[in-house]
């Protein structure tokens, strides 16, 4: 598998810079609690995310949407709505951490490519196989706590 450069895009200008300067794709998030980096001035509303997706796709680049926080029971619908919006917007993949949300996404949108977030903490190949077998993930972002030697044993 060839190496891909996937860059963070905190806003539309950053997305355009990444795409125009060699990134194979970007990852981004909504301006709400579904995003672990929901800081003022960063992230996307529905209008700007659509503009970003259109911009990236017109240049044959990928857009990955990070829904990498854990839904609280009383706000479950906010996270499922975000998955539904991701599917309707045409993102290339959704990056998820929560197993309930992974189940929802895989059952409700079987054609939506799923990636496991670093927050999913898959530190061994059995954990990654579990997520692949149960939810169909196609990529896992490994936790930063792993050394290169440990990473070699995961793949």
Protein backbone atom coordinates (compact mmCIF):
# COMPACT_ATOMS: atom_id res chain seq x y z
CA UNK A 1 0.00 0.00 0.00
CA UNK A 2 1.47 3.38 -0.95
CA UNK A 3 2.10 5.99 1.71
CA UNK A 4 -0.48 8.77 1.88
CA UNK A 5 0.04 12.20 3.39
CA UNK A 6 -3.14 13.11 5.30
CA UNK A 7 -2.99 16.57 6.88
CA UNK A 8 -5.17 18.25 9.48
CA UNK A 9 -7.41 21.02 8.18
CA UNK A 10 -8.77 23.25 10.90
CA UNK A 11 -10.52 25.59 8.48
CA UNK A 12 -11.14 26.13 4.78
CA UNK A 13 -7.92 28.12 4.09
CA UNK A 14 -5.87 25.38 5.79
CA UNK A 15 -7.64 22.73 3.72
CA UNK A 16 -6.83 24.56 0.51
CA UNK A 17 -3.17 25.02 1.52
CA UNK A 18 -2.80 21.32 2.34
CA UNK A 19 -4.46 20.21 -0.90
CA UNK A 20 -2.49 22.68 -3.03
CA UNK A 21 0.83 21.75 -1.44
CA UNK A 22 0.93 17.99 -1.83
CA UNK A 23 -1.40 16.39 0.70
CA UNK A 24 -3.18 13.31 -0.57
CA UNK A 25 -6.03 14.19 1.73
CA UNK A 26 -7.12 16.08 4.80
CA UNK A 27 -8.96 15.29 7.98
CA UNK A 28 -11.31 17.74 9.59
CA UNK A 29 -14.21 18.01 11.98
CA UNK A 30 -17.50 19.70 12.60
CA UNK A 31 -17.84 22.74 14.89
CA UNK A 32 -19.47 20.74 17.67
CA UNK A 33 -18.91 18.17 20.40
CA UNK A 34 -18.36 15.32 17.90
CA UNK A 35 -14.84 16.66 17.29
CA UNK A 36 -12.02 16.25 19.83
CA UNK A 37 -10.48 19.51 18.61
CA UNK A 38 -13.54 21.73 18.78
CA UNK A 39 -11.70 24.97 19.49
CA UNK A 40 -12.94 28.50 18.72
CA UNK A 41 -12.07 29.57 15.18
CA UNK A 42 -11.49 26.03 13.96
CA UNK A 43 -13.50 23.41 12.13
CA UNK A 44 -16.39 23.38 9.72
CA UNK A 45 -20.08 24.10 9.54
CA UNK A 46 -22.16 22.41 6.84
CA UNK A 47 -21.57 25.20 4.30
CA UNK A 48 -17.78 25.31 4.64
CA UNK A 49 -17.36 21.54 4.84
CA UNK A 50 -19.25 21.20 1.54
CA UNK A 51 -16.98 23.84 0.00
CA UNK A 52 -13.93 22.00 1.32
CA UNK A 53 -15.09 18.62 0.02
CA UNK A 54 -15.84 20.09 -3.38
CA UNK A 55 -12.42 21.80 -3.48
CA UNK A 56 -10.52 18.66 -2.47
CA UNK A 57 -12.48 16.32 -4.71
CA UNK A 58 -12.07 18.61 -7.72
CA UNK A 59 -8.33 18.07 -7.25
CA UNK A 60 -8.74 14.32 -6.65
CA UNK A 61 -7.86 14.56 -2.95
CA UNK A 62 -9.57 12.82 -0.03
CA UNK A 63 -11.52 14.30 2.86
CA UNK A 64 -11.78 12.35 6.11
CA UNK A 65 -14.19 13.49 8.82
CA UNK A 66 -13.15 12.96 12.44
CA UNK A 67 -16.05 12.12 14.75
CA UNK A 68 -13.61 11.12 17.42
CA UNK A 69 -15.33 11.88 20.71
CA UNK A 70 -17.61 9.69 22.78
CA UNK A 71 -21.35 10.37 22.66
CA UNK A 72 -23.16 10.90 25.93
CA UNK A 73 -26.43 8.98 26.22
CA UNK A 74 -28.65 12.05 26.28
CA UNK A 75 -26.95 13.48 23.17
CA UNK A 76 -26.61 10.28 21.10
CA UNK A 77 -28.60 11.79 18.25
CA UNK A 78 -26.01 14.56 17.74
CA UNK A 79 -23.39 11.94 16.86
CA UNK A 80 -25.65 9.80 14.67
CA UNK A 81 -26.75 12.96 12.83
CA UNK A 82 -23.06 13.74 12.22
CA UNK A 83 -22.53 10.27 10.71
CA UNK A 84 -25.61 10.76 8.52
CA UNK A 85 -24.36 14.19 7.42
CA UNK A 86 -20.92 12.75 6.61
CA UNK A 87 -22.49 10.11 4.40
CA UNK A 88 -24.71 12.61 2.60
CA UNK A 89 -21.85 15.09 2.12
CA UNK A 90 -19.74 12.45 0.39
CA UNK A 91 -16.68 12.35 2.64
CA UNK A 92 -14.17 9.67 1.74
CA UNK A 93 -14.11 8.19 5.24
CA UNK A 94 -15.23 8.83 8.79
CA UNK A 95 -12.75 8.47 11.65
CA UNK A 96 -14.56 7.06 14.72
CA UNK A 97 -13.58 5.98 18.24
CA UNK A 98 -16.85 4.90 19.88
CA UNK A 99 -17.92 1.28 19.31
CA UNK A 100 -21.62 2.14 19.44
CA UNK A 101 -21.13 4.78 16.79
CA UNK A 102 -19.03 2.38 14.71
CA UNK A 103 -21.93 -0.07 14.85
CA UNK A 104 -24.43 2.63 13.89
CA UNK A 105 -22.28 3.80 10.96
CA UNK A 106 -21.56 0.31 9.65
CA UNK A 107 -25.21 -0.76 9.81
CA UNK A 108 -26.84 2.48 8.63
CA UNK A 109 -24.31 3.41 5.93
CA UNK A 110 -22.66 0.16 4.77
CA UNK A 111 -20.92 1.94 1.87
CA UNK A 112 -19.29 4.53 4.12
CA UNK A 113 -15.58 3.90 4.64
CA UNK A 114 -14.72 3.71 8.35
CA UNK A 115 -11.41 4.37 10.05
CA UNK A 116 -10.60 3.75 13.70
CA UNK A 117 -9.50 6.88 15.54
CA UNK A 118 -6.42 7.04 17.72
CA UNK A 119 -8.90 7.48 20.58
CA UNK A 120 -10.03 3.89 19.87
CA UNK A 121 -6.71 2.75 21.41
CA UNK A 122 -6.05 -0.30 19.24
CA UNK A 123 -2.56 -1.29 20.40
CA UNK A 124 -2.39 -4.80 18.91
CA UNK A 125 -3.45 -6.65 15.79
CA UNK A 126 -6.20 -8.56 17.61
CA UNK A 127 -7.90 -5.28 18.54
CA UNK A 128 -7.61 -4.04 14.96
CA UNK A 129 -8.96 -7.36 13.67
CA UNK A 130 -11.90 -7.02 16.06
CA UNK A 131 -12.78 -3.57 14.67
CA UNK A 132 -12.33 -4.84 11.11
CA UNK A 133 -14.41 -7.97 11.64
CA UNK A 134 -17.25 -6.27 13.54
CA UNK A 135 -17.41 -2.86 11.88
CA UNK A 136 -15.49 -3.14 8.61
CA UNK A 137 -12.83 -0.55 9.42
CA UNK A 138 -10.34 -0.10 6.63
CA UNK A 139 -7.69 1.89 8.49
CA UNK A 140 -6.62 2.28 12.11
CA UNK A 141 -4.77 5.27 13.52
CA UNK A 142 -2.42 3.79 16.09
CA UNK A 143 -1.99 5.34 19.54
CA UNK A 144 1.02 7.60 19.99
CA UNK A 145 2.14 5.60 23.04
CA UNK A 146 3.44 2.80 20.80
CA UNK A 147 7.13 2.67 19.98
CA UNK A 148 8.26 1.86 16.43
CA UNK A 149 9.18 -1.63 17.61
CA UNK A 150 5.66 -2.10 19.00
CA UNK A 151 4.12 -0.78 15.78
CA UNK A 152 6.08 -3.42 13.84
CA UNK A 153 4.23 -6.12 15.81
CA UNK A 154 0.82 -4.59 15.14
CA UNK A 155 0.97 -4.87 11.35
